[in-house]
């Protein structure tokens, strides 16, 4: 049974959680917003141990608030359930670093040996593709992982590097850290993969999805990597169109016009 109430800050206790680093300036901004209105209660056990909301608790303490709205649950929560609460909240509301997301996803899989990436994605309310990307540093060398932890590369670069052998990861990491763009690294990865394994190519790749939607991509001698890159570019353009409030028909017309331009 859960109970919604207010509790003084002195009642709360913190426990180890997914977020490791807290930016004071960001916390202060959050604290000032909490002074106006607390939009979401924190979640705690009956003994005051926070399950979700440590960032709000720290922000409230920083700006001198006296209490917080809290949902108190007396359910017997497992470590896994607590971690899911913490990580889900942080992924969607608190801008965890890429390294923190990777470490937390890794931990959840360790706690649930039978989970697949799909299971983890469902629990975190993320796409399976996002979870695959967050877990990709586990397939990288320690140098790549260290670069991610230090913030010298992002999760997208780590994902690209995870797609090639360790020796090539070292080379491409150096390329990235000496000024190469993410797209340049991606292109080098694509070339590495093409040279390491011959790919069957086709002029058209088309198939139905389980949802009933049909996907088709055509071009000159397409490889599977070309197909993946094309879908990624299309998704990026479609999101821009959505942000501009375009409908599907207008979006298609705009893209046809773009393709005609030299």
C-alpha atoms as a PDB file:
ATOM      1  CA  UNK A   1       0.000   0.000   0.000  1.00  0.00           C
ATOM      2  CA  UNK A   2       1.300   3.471  -0.899  1.00  0.00           C
ATOM      3  CA  UNK A   3       0.639   6.704   0.979  1.00  0.00           C
ATOM      4  CA  UNK A   4       1.087  10.265  -0.310  1.00  0.00           C
ATOM      5  CA  UNK A   5       2.201  12.769   2.341  1.00  0.00           C
ATOM      6  CA  UNK A   6       4.769  15.452   3.249  1.00  0.00           C
ATOM      7  CA  UNK A   7       7.873  14.688   5.296  1.00  0.00           C
ATOM      8  CA  UNK A   8      10.637  16.952   6.689  1.00  0.00           C
ATOM      9  CA  UNK A   9      14.004  16.627   4.938  1.00  0.00           C
ATOM     10  CA  UNK A  10      15.516  15.280   8.159  1.00  0.00           C
ATOM     11  CA  UNK A  11      13.291  12.181   7.802  1.00  0.00           C
ATOM     12  CA  UNK A  12      14.853  11.060   4.508  1.00  0.00           C
ATOM     13  CA  UNK A  13      17.836   8.739   4.104  1.00  0.00           C
ATOM     14  CA  UNK A  14      19.800   8.133   0.912  1.00  0.00           C
ATOM     15  CA  UNK A  15      21.090   4.837  -0.463  1.00  0.00           C
ATOM     16  CA  UNK A  16      23.484   4.016  -3.352  1.00  0.00           C
ATOM     17  CA  UNK A  17      21.778   4.618  -6.684  1.00  0.00           C
ATOM     18  CA  UNK A  18      22.379   4.997 -10.414  1.00  0.00           C
ATOM     19  CA  UNK A  19      23.386   8.672 -10.362  1.00  0.00           C
ATOM     20  CA  UNK A  20      26.934   9.248  -9.112  1.00  0.00           C
ATOM     21  CA  UNK A  21      27.565  12.903  -9.955  1.00  0.00           C
ATOM     22  CA  UNK A  22      25.388  15.909  -9.096  1.00  0.00           C
ATOM     23  CA  UNK A  23      25.930  19.333 -10.614  1.00  0.00           C
ATOM     24  CA  UNK A  24      25.450  21.999  -7.911  1.00  0.00           C
ATOM     25  CA  UNK A  25      24.300  24.728 -10.309  1.00  0.00           C
ATOM     26  CA  UNK A  26      21.744  22.357 -11.818  1.00  0.00           C
ATOM     27  CA  UNK A  27      20.580  21.289  -8.353  1.00  0.00           C
ATOM     28  CA  UNK A  28      20.170  24.907  -7.321  1.00  0.00           C
ATOM     29  CA  UNK A  29      17.977  25.590 -10.370  1.00  0.00           C
ATOM     30  CA  UNK A  30      15.877  22.553  -9.532  1.00  0.00           C
ATOM     31  CA  UNK A  31      15.641  23.669  -5.909  1.00  0.00           C
ATOM     32  CA  UNK A  32      14.335  27.084  -6.929  1.00  0.00           C
ATOM     33  CA  UNK A  33      11.675  25.394  -9.066  1.00  0.00           C
ATOM     34  CA  UNK A  34      10.712  23.192  -6.099  1.00  0.00           C
ATOM     35  CA  UNK A  35      10.125  26.349  -4.075  1.00  0.00           C
ATOM     36  CA  UNK A  36       7.438  27.263  -6.584  1.00  0.00           C
ATOM     37  CA  UNK A  37       5.891  23.797  -6.949  1.00  0.00           C
ATOM     38  CA  UNK A  38       6.952  20.190  -6.540  1.00  0.00           C
ATOM     39  CA  UNK A  39       5.606  18.582  -9.694  1.00  0.00           C
ATOM     40  CA  UNK A  40       6.413  14.987  -8.750  1.00  0.00           C
ATOM     41  CA  UNK A  41       6.673  13.421  -5.287  1.00  0.00           C
ATOM     42  CA  UNK A  42       9.753  11.445  -4.317  1.00  0.00           C
ATOM     43  CA  UNK A  43       9.387   7.749  -3.479  1.00  0.00           C
ATOM     44  CA  UNK A  44      10.581   6.298  -0.178  1.00  0.00           C
ATOM     45  CA  UNK A  45      10.360   3.269   2.104  1.00  0.00           C
ATOM     46  CA  UNK A  46       8.582   3.587   5.491  1.00  0.00           C
ATOM     47  CA  UNK A  47      11.969   4.078   7.183  1.00  0.00           C
ATOM     48  CA  UNK A  48      12.687   7.153   5.019  1.00  0.00           C
ATOM     49  CA  UNK A  49      15.141   5.506   2.597  1.00  0.00           C
ATOM     50  CA  UNK A  50      14.734   7.153  -0.795  1.00  0.00           C
ATOM     51  CA  UNK A  51      13.883   4.848  -3.673  1.00  0.00           C
ATOM     52  CA  UNK A  52      13.566   7.594  -6.290  1.00  0.00           C
ATOM     53  CA  UNK A  53      14.084  11.339  -6.008  1.00  0.00           C
ATOM     54  CA  UNK A  54      17.536  11.811  -4.484  1.00  0.00           C
ATOM     55  CA  UNK A  55      18.227  14.638  -6.915  1.00  0.00           C
ATOM     56  CA  UNK A  56      15.122  16.507  -5.716  1.00  0.00           C
ATOM     57  CA  UNK A  57      16.057  15.783  -2.106  1.00  0.00           C
ATOM     58  CA  UNK A  58      19.555  17.224  -2.612  1.00  0.00           C
ATOM     59  CA  UNK A  59      18.131  20.247  -4.449  1.00  0.00           C
ATOM     60  CA  UNK A  60      15.626  20.915  -1.663  1.00  0.00           C
ATOM     61  CA  UNK A  61      18.400  20.699   0.954  1.00  0.00           C
ATOM     62  CA  UNK A  62      20.596  23.064  -1.041  1.00  0.00           C
ATOM     63  CA  UNK A  63      17.991  25.852  -1.196  1.00  0.00           C
ATOM     64  CA  UNK A  64      16.729  25.425   2.369  1.00  0.00           C
ATOM     65  CA  UNK A  65      13.341  23.788   1.861  1.00  0.00           C
ATOM     66  CA  UNK A  66      11.887  22.206   4.990  1.00  0.00           C
ATOM     67  CA  UNK A  67       9.960  19.274   3.542  1.00  0.00           C
ATOM     68  CA  UNK A  68       9.062  17.324   0.405  1.00  0.00           C
ATOM     69  CA  UNK A  69       5.982  15.571  -0.879  1.00  0.00           C
ATOM     70  CA  UNK A  70       6.608  11.839  -0.789  1.00  0.00           C
ATOM     71  CA  UNK A  71       4.927   8.569  -1.717  1.00  0.00           C
ATOM     72  CA  UNK A  72       5.687   6.040   1.039  1.00  0.00           C
ATOM     73  CA  UNK A  73       5.395   2.413   0.012  1.00  0.00           C
ATOM     74  CA  UNK A  74       5.313  -0.475   2.479  1.00  0.00           C
ATOM     75  CA  UNK A  75       5.738  -3.086  -0.252  1.00  0.00           C
ATOM     76  CA  UNK A  76       8.742  -5.371   0.112  1.00  0.00           C
ATOM     77  CA  UNK A  77      10.825  -4.127  -2.793  1.00  0.00           C
ATOM     78  CA  UNK A  78      13.748  -6.136  -4.145  1.00  0.00           C
ATOM     79  CA  UNK A  79      17.064  -4.517  -5.078  1.00  0.00           C
ATOM     80  CA  UNK A  80      16.062  -4.914  -8.706  1.00  0.00           C
ATOM     81  CA  UNK A  81      12.732  -3.140  -8.227  1.00  0.00           C
ATOM     82  CA  UNK A  82      14.454  -0.270  -6.421  1.00  0.00           C
ATOM     83  CA  UNK A  83      17.077   0.020  -9.160  1.00  0.00           C
ATOM     84  CA  UNK A  84      14.386   0.077 -11.850  1.00  0.00           C
ATOM     85  CA  UNK A  85      12.631   2.927 -10.012  1.00  0.00           C
ATOM     86  CA  UNK A  86      15.880   4.868  -9.707  1.00  0.00           C
ATOM     87  CA  UNK A  87      17.184   4.332 -13.213  1.00  0.00           C
ATOM     88  CA  UNK A  88      13.849   4.913 -14.943  1.00  0.00           C
ATOM     89  CA  UNK A  89      13.449   8.235 -13.180  1.00  0.00           C
ATOM     90  CA  UNK A  90      17.016   9.329 -13.864  1.00  0.00           C
ATOM     91  CA  UNK A  91      17.065   8.310 -17.524  1.00  0.00           C
ATOM     92  CA  UNK A  92      13.950  10.322 -18.255  1.00  0.00           C
ATOM     93  CA  UNK A  93      14.281  13.249 -15.882  1.00  0.00           C
ATOM     94  CA  UNK A  94      17.799  13.809 -14.602  1.00  0.00           C
ATOM     95  CA  UNK A  95      20.251  13.665 -17.496  1.00  0.00           C
ATOM     96  CA  UNK A  96      22.512  10.898 -16.285  1.00  0.00           C
ATOM     97  CA  UNK A  97      25.874  10.856 -18.008  1.00  0.00           C
ATOM     98  CA  UNK A  98      26.270   8.272 -20.760  1.00  0.00           C
ATOM     99  CA  UNK A  99      28.690   6.317 -18.558  1.00  0.00           C
ATOM    100  CA  UNK A 100      26.185   6.271 -15.680  1.00  0.00           C
ATOM    101  CA  UNK A 101      23.455   4.938 -17.984  1.00  0.00           C
ATOM    102  CA  UNK A 102      25.808   2.215 -19.221  1.00  0.00           C
ATOM    103  CA  UNK A 103      26.845   1.147 -15.711  1.00  0.00           C
ATOM    104  CA  UNK A 104      23.271   1.135 -14.423  1.00  0.00           C
ATOM    105  CA  UNK A 105      21.972  -0.930 -17.377  1.00  0.00           C
ATOM    106  CA  UNK A 106      24.826  -3.377 -16.853  1.00  0.00           C
ATOM    107  CA  UNK A 107      23.887  -3.714 -13.192  1.00  0.00           C
ATOM    108  CA  UNK A 108      20.258  -4.406 -13.982  1.00  0.00           C
ATOM    109  CA  UNK A 109      21.249  -7.223 -16.319  1.00  0.00           C
ATOM    110  CA  UNK A 110      23.516  -8.684 -13.633  1.00  0.00           C
ATOM    111  CA  UNK A 111      20.657  -8.643 -11.145  1.00  0.00           C
ATOM    112  CA  UNK A 112      18.372 -10.361 -13.656  1.00  0.00           C
ATOM    113  CA  UNK A 113      20.320 -13.100 -15.393  1.00  0.00           C
ATOM    114  CA  UNK A 114      17.358 -14.156 -17.498  1.00  0.00           C
ATOM    115  CA  UNK A 115      16.697 -10.699 -18.918  1.00  0.00           C
ATOM    116  CA  UNK A 116      17.281  -9.910 -22.578  1.00  0.00           C
ATOM    117  CA  UNK A 117      17.871  -6.400 -23.925  1.00  0.00           C
ATOM    118  CA  UNK A 118      14.181  -6.377 -24.804  1.00  0.00           C
ATOM    119  CA  UNK A 119      13.206  -7.128 -21.191  1.00  0.00           C
ATOM    120  CA  UNK A 120      15.453  -4.332 -19.941  1.00  0.00           C
ATOM    121  CA  UNK A 121      14.002  -1.917 -22.494  1.00  0.00           C
ATOM    122  CA  UNK A 122      10.458  -2.732 -21.359  1.00  0.00           C
ATOM    123  CA  UNK A 123      11.327  -2.163 -17.686  1.00  0.00           C
ATOM    124  CA  UNK A 124      13.042   1.154 -18.428  1.00  0.00           C
ATOM    125  CA  UNK A 125      10.405   2.283 -20.950  1.00  0.00           C
ATOM    126  CA  UNK A 126      13.075   2.760 -23.600  1.00  0.00           C
ATOM    127  CA  UNK A 127      13.407   1.407 -27.131  1.00  0.00           C
ATOM    128  CA  UNK A 128      15.408  -1.783 -27.522  1.00  0.00           C
ATOM    129  CA  UNK A 129      17.778   0.150 -29.794  1.00  0.00           C
ATOM    130  CA  UNK A 130      18.500   2.671 -27.032  1.00  0.00           C
ATOM    131  CA  UNK A 131      19.271  -0.093 -24.546  1.00  0.00           C
ATOM    132  CA  UNK A 132      21.584  -1.787 -27.067  1.00  0.00           C
ATOM    133  CA  UNK A 133      23.432   1.500 -27.472  1.00  0.00           C
ATOM    134  CA  UNK A 134      23.709   2.068 -23.697  1.00  0.00           C
ATOM    135  CA  UNK A 135      25.156  -1.437 -23.256  1.00  0.00           C
ATOM    136  CA  UNK A 136      27.613  -1.144 -26.142  1.00  0.00           C
ATOM    137  CA  UNK A 137      30.605   0.038 -24.014  1.00  0.00           C
ATOM    138  CA  UNK A 138      30.671  -3.450 -22.479  1.00  0.00           C
ATOM    139  CA  UNK A 139      31.948  -4.662 -25.864  1.00  0.00           C
ATOM    140  CA  UNK A 140      34.669  -2.002 -25.994  1.00  0.00           C
ATOM    141  CA  UNK A 141      38.259  -1.883 -24.795  1.00  0.00           C
ATOM    142  CA  UNK A 142      39.103  -0.360 -21.435  1.00  0.00           C
ATOM    143  CA  UNK A 143      40.551   2.701 -23.201  1.00  0.00           C
ATOM    144  CA  UNK A 144      37.201   3.331 -24.860  1.00  0.00           C
ATOM    145  CA  UNK A 145      35.357   2.792 -21.581  1.00  0.00           C
ATOM    146  CA  UNK A 146      37.728   5.198 -19.797  1.00  0.00           C
ATOM    147  CA  UNK A 147      37.168   7.809 -22.509  1.00  0.00           C
ATOM    148  CA  UNK A 148      33.406   7.458 -22.029  1.00  0.00           C
ATOM    149  CA  UNK A 149      33.721   7.732 -18.226  1.00  0.00           C
ATOM    150  CA  UNK A 150      35.832  10.882 -18.635  1.00  0.00           C
ATOM    151  CA  UNK A 151      33.324  12.430 -21.045  1.00  0.00           C
ATOM    152  CA  UNK A 152      35.801  12.572 -23.936  1.00  0.00           C
ATOM    153  CA  UNK A 153      33.428  10.560 -26.128  1.00  0.00           C
ATOM    154  CA  UNK A 154      29.685  10.013 -26.034  1.00  0.00           C
ATOM    155  CA  UNK A 155      27.600   6.870 -26.110  1.00  0.00           C
ATOM    156  CA  UNK A 156      27.021   7.096 -29.878  1.00  0.00           C
ATOM    157  CA  UNK A 157      30.760   7.010 -30.544  1.00  0.00           C
ATOM    158  CA  UNK A 158      31.185   4.148 -28.076  1.00  0.00           C
ATOM    159  CA  UNK A 159      28.458   2.252 -29.925  1.00  0.00           C
ATOM    160  CA  UNK A 160      30.190   2.792 -33.262  1.00  0.00           C
ATOM    161  CA  UNK A 161      33.511   1.603 -31.835  1.00  0.00           C
ATOM    162  CA  UNK A 162      31.857  -1.486 -30.323  1.00  0.00           C
ATOM    163  CA  UNK A 163      31.044  -2.669 -33.838  1.00  0.00           C
ATOM    164  CA  UNK A 164      34.683  -3.301 -34.765  1.00  0.00           C
ATOM    165  CA  UNK A 165      37.527  -5.428 -33.381  1.00  0.00           C
ATOM    166  CA  UNK A 166      39.587  -4.221 -30.408  1.00  0.00           C
ATOM    167  CA  UNK A 167      42.635  -3.289 -32.490  1.00  0.00           C
ATOM    168  CA  UNK A 168      40.455  -1.115 -34.713  1.00  0.00           C
ATOM    169  CA  UNK A 169      38.793   0.443 -31.645  1.00  0.00           C
ATOM    170  CA  UNK A 170      42.197   1.763 -30.523  1.00  0.00           C
ATOM    171  CA  UNK A 171      42.817   3.320 -33.926  1.00  0.00           C
ATOM    172  CA  UNK A 172      39.362   4.881 -34.188  1.00  0.00           C
ATOM    173  CA  UNK A 173      39.405   6.168 -30.611  1.00  0.00           C
ATOM    174  CA  UNK A 174      42.646   8.010 -31.409  1.00  0.00           C
ATOM    175  CA  UNK A 175      41.000   9.364 -34.573  1.00  0.00           C
ATOM    176  CA  UNK A 176      38.035  10.676 -32.581  1.00  0.00           C
ATOM    177  CA  UNK A 177      40.160  12.201 -29.816  1.00  0.00           C
ATOM    178  CA  UNK A 178      42.310  14.053 -32.339  1.00  0.00           C
ATOM    179  CA  UNK A 179      39.336  15.913 -33.767  1.00  0.00           C
ATOM    180  CA  UNK A 180      37.433  13.605 -36.120  1.00  0.00           C
ATOM    181  CA  UNK A 181      33.671  14.072 -36.211  1.00  0.00           C
ATOM    182  CA  UNK A 182      31.224  11.395 -35.147  1.00  0.00           C
ATOM    183  CA  UNK A 183      30.151  10.956 -38.774  1.00  0.00           C
ATOM    184  CA  UNK A 184      33.782  10.481 -39.817  1.00  0.00           C
ATOM    185  CA  UNK A 185      34.220   7.761 -37.197  1.00  0.00           C
ATOM    186  CA  UNK A 186      31.005   6.097 -38.343  1.00  0.00           C
ATOM    187  CA  UNK A 187      32.219   6.110 -41.931  1.00  0.00           C
ATOM    188  CA  UNK A 188      35.537   4.543 -40.916  1.00  0.00           C
ATOM    189  CA  UNK A 189      33.655   1.869 -38.975  1.00  0.00           C
ATOM    190  CA  UNK A 190      31.554   1.140 -42.032  1.00  0.00           C
ATOM    191  CA  UNK A 191      34.665   0.778 -44.192  1.00  0.00           C
ATOM    192  CA  UNK A 192      36.353  -1.460 -41.635  1.00  0.00           C
ATOM    193  CA  UNK A 193      33.335  -3.743 -41.562  1.00  0.00           C
ATOM    194  CA  UNK A 194      33.108  -3.844 -45.330  1.00  0.00           C
ATOM    195  CA  UNK A 195      36.789  -4.748 -45.700  1.00  0.00           C
ATOM    196  CA  UNK A 196      36.697  -7.408 -42.974  1.00  0.00           C
ATOM    197  CA  UNK A 197      33.713  -9.308 -44.366  1.00  0.00           C
ATOM    198  CA  UNK A 198      32.347  -9.262 -47.930  1.00  0.00           C
ATOM    199  CA  UNK A 199      28.707  -8.253 -47.981  1.00  0.00           C
ATOM    200  CA  UNK A 200      25.966  -9.433 -50.278  1.00  0.00           C
ATOM    201  CA  UNK A 201      24.470  -6.381 -51.935  1.00  0.00           C
ATOM    202  CA  UNK A 202      21.074  -5.675 -53.451  1.00  0.00           C
ATOM    203  CA  UNK A 203      19.458  -2.890 -55.432  1.00  0.00           C
ATOM    204  CA  UNK A 204      16.344  -3.023 -53.266  1.00  0.00           C
ATOM    205  CA  UNK A 205      15.692  -4.189 -49.698  1.00  0.00           C
ATOM    206  CA  UNK A 206      11.994  -4.473 -48.838  1.00  0.00           C
ATOM    207  CA  UNK A 207       9.995  -6.355 -46.221  1.00  0.00           C
ATOM    208  CA  UNK A 208       6.923  -6.040 -43.948  1.00  0.00           C
ATOM    209  CA  UNK A 209       7.261  -5.363 -40.221  1.00  0.00           C
ATOM    210  CA  UNK A 210       5.178  -7.272 -37.634  1.00  0.00           C
ATOM    211  CA  UNK A 211       3.071  -4.105 -37.261  1.00  0.00           C
ATOM    212  CA  UNK A 212       1.981  -4.418 -40.887  1.00  0.00           C
ATOM    213  CA  UNK A 213       4.040  -1.442 -42.070  1.00  0.00           C
ATOM    214  CA  UNK A 214       6.150  -2.135 -45.179  1.00  0.00           C
ATOM    215  CA  UNK A 215       9.740  -0.882 -45.349  1.00  0.00           C
ATOM    216  CA  UNK A 216      11.594  -0.448 -48.649  1.00  0.00           C
ATOM    217  CA  UNK A 217      14.957   1.095 -49.517  1.00  0.00           C
ATOM    218  CA  UNK A 218      16.458   1.111 -53.014  1.00  0.00           C
ATOM    219  CA  UNK A 219      19.769   2.325 -54.363  1.00  0.00           C
ATOM    220  CA  UNK A 220      22.972   1.316 -56.106  1.00  0.00           C
ATOM    221  CA  UNK A 221      24.276  -1.972 -54.717  1.00  0.00           C
ATOM    222  CA  UNK A 222      23.025  -1.651 -51.125  1.00  0.00           C
ATOM    223  CA  UNK A 223      24.720  -3.544 -48.298  1.00  0.00           C
ATOM    224  CA  UNK A 224      23.020  -4.141 -44.964  1.00  0.00           C
ATOM    225  CA  UNK A 225      25.172  -1.371 -43.449  1.00  0.00           C
ATOM    226  CA  UNK A 226      24.021   0.981 -46.228  1.00  0.00           C
ATOM    227  CA  UNK A 227      20.441   0.023 -45.419  1.00  0.00           C
ATOM    228  CA  UNK A 228      20.959   0.722 -41.691  1.00  0.00           C
ATOM    229  CA  UNK A 229      22.583   4.088 -42.427  1.00  0.00           C
ATOM    230  CA  UNK A 230      19.724   5.025 -44.767  1.00  0.00           C
ATOM    231  CA  UNK A 231      17.106   4.192 -42.140  1.00  0.00           C
ATOM    232  CA  UNK A 232      19.014   6.229 -39.546  1.00  0.00           C
ATOM    233  CA  UNK A 233      19.185   9.239 -41.864  1.00  0.00           C
ATOM    234  CA  UNK A 234      15.490   8.886 -42.708  1.00  0.00           C
ATOM    235  CA  UNK A 235      14.578   8.715 -39.017  1.00  0.00           C
ATOM    236  CA  UNK A 236      16.607  11.841 -38.304  1.00  0.00           C
ATOM    237  CA  UNK A 237      14.897  13.767 -41.125  1.00  0.00           C
ATOM    238  CA  UNK A 238      11.461  12.518 -40.064  1.00  0.00           C
ATOM    239  CA  UNK A 239      11.997  13.751 -36.499  1.00  0.00           C
ATOM    240  CA  UNK A 240      12.965  17.180 -37.806  1.00  0.00           C
ATOM    241  CA  UNK A 241       9.785  17.221 -39.895  1.00  0.00           C
ATOM    242  CA  UNK A 242       7.695  16.230 -36.879  1.00  0.00           C
ATOM    243  CA  UNK A 243       9.260  19.050 -34.836  1.00  0.00           C
ATOM    244  CA  UNK A 244       8.222  21.406 -37.645  1.00  0.00           C
ATOM    245  CA  UNK A 245       4.649  20.014 -37.468  1.00  0.00           C
ATOM    246  CA  UNK A 246       4.776  18.608 -41.018  1.00  0.00           C
ATOM    247  CA  UNK A 247       2.464  15.752 -41.964  1.00  0.00           C
ATOM    248  CA  UNK A 248       3.710  12.570 -43.652  1.00  0.00           C
ATOM    249  CA  UNK A 249       2.682  13.640 -47.150  1.00  0.00           C
ATOM    250  CA  UNK A 250       4.387  17.032 -46.885  1.00  0.00           C
ATOM    251  CA  UNK A 251       7.497  15.418 -45.420  1.00  0.00           C
ATOM    252  CA  UNK A 252       7.762  13.067 -48.413  1.00  0.00           C
ATOM    253  CA  UNK A 253       7.407  15.999 -50.817  1.00  0.00           C
ATOM    254  CA  UNK A 254      10.078  18.012 -48.980  1.00  0.00           C
ATOM    255  CA  UNK A 255      12.524  15.092 -49.120  1.00  0.00           C
ATOM    256  CA  UNK A 256      11.906  14.607 -52.855  1.00  0.00           C
ATOM    257  CA  UNK A 257      12.687  18.278 -53.404  1.00  0.00           C
ATOM    258  CA  UNK A 258      15.887  18.003 -51.341  1.00  0.00           C
ATOM    259  CA  UNK A 259      17.037  15.050 -53.415  1.00  0.00           C
ATOM    260  CA  UNK A 260      16.644  17.035 -56.654  1.00  0.00           C
ATOM    261  CA  UNK A 261      18.949  19.820 -55.467  1.00  0.00           C
ATOM    262  CA  UNK A 262      22.605  19.539 -56.542  1.00  0.00           C
END
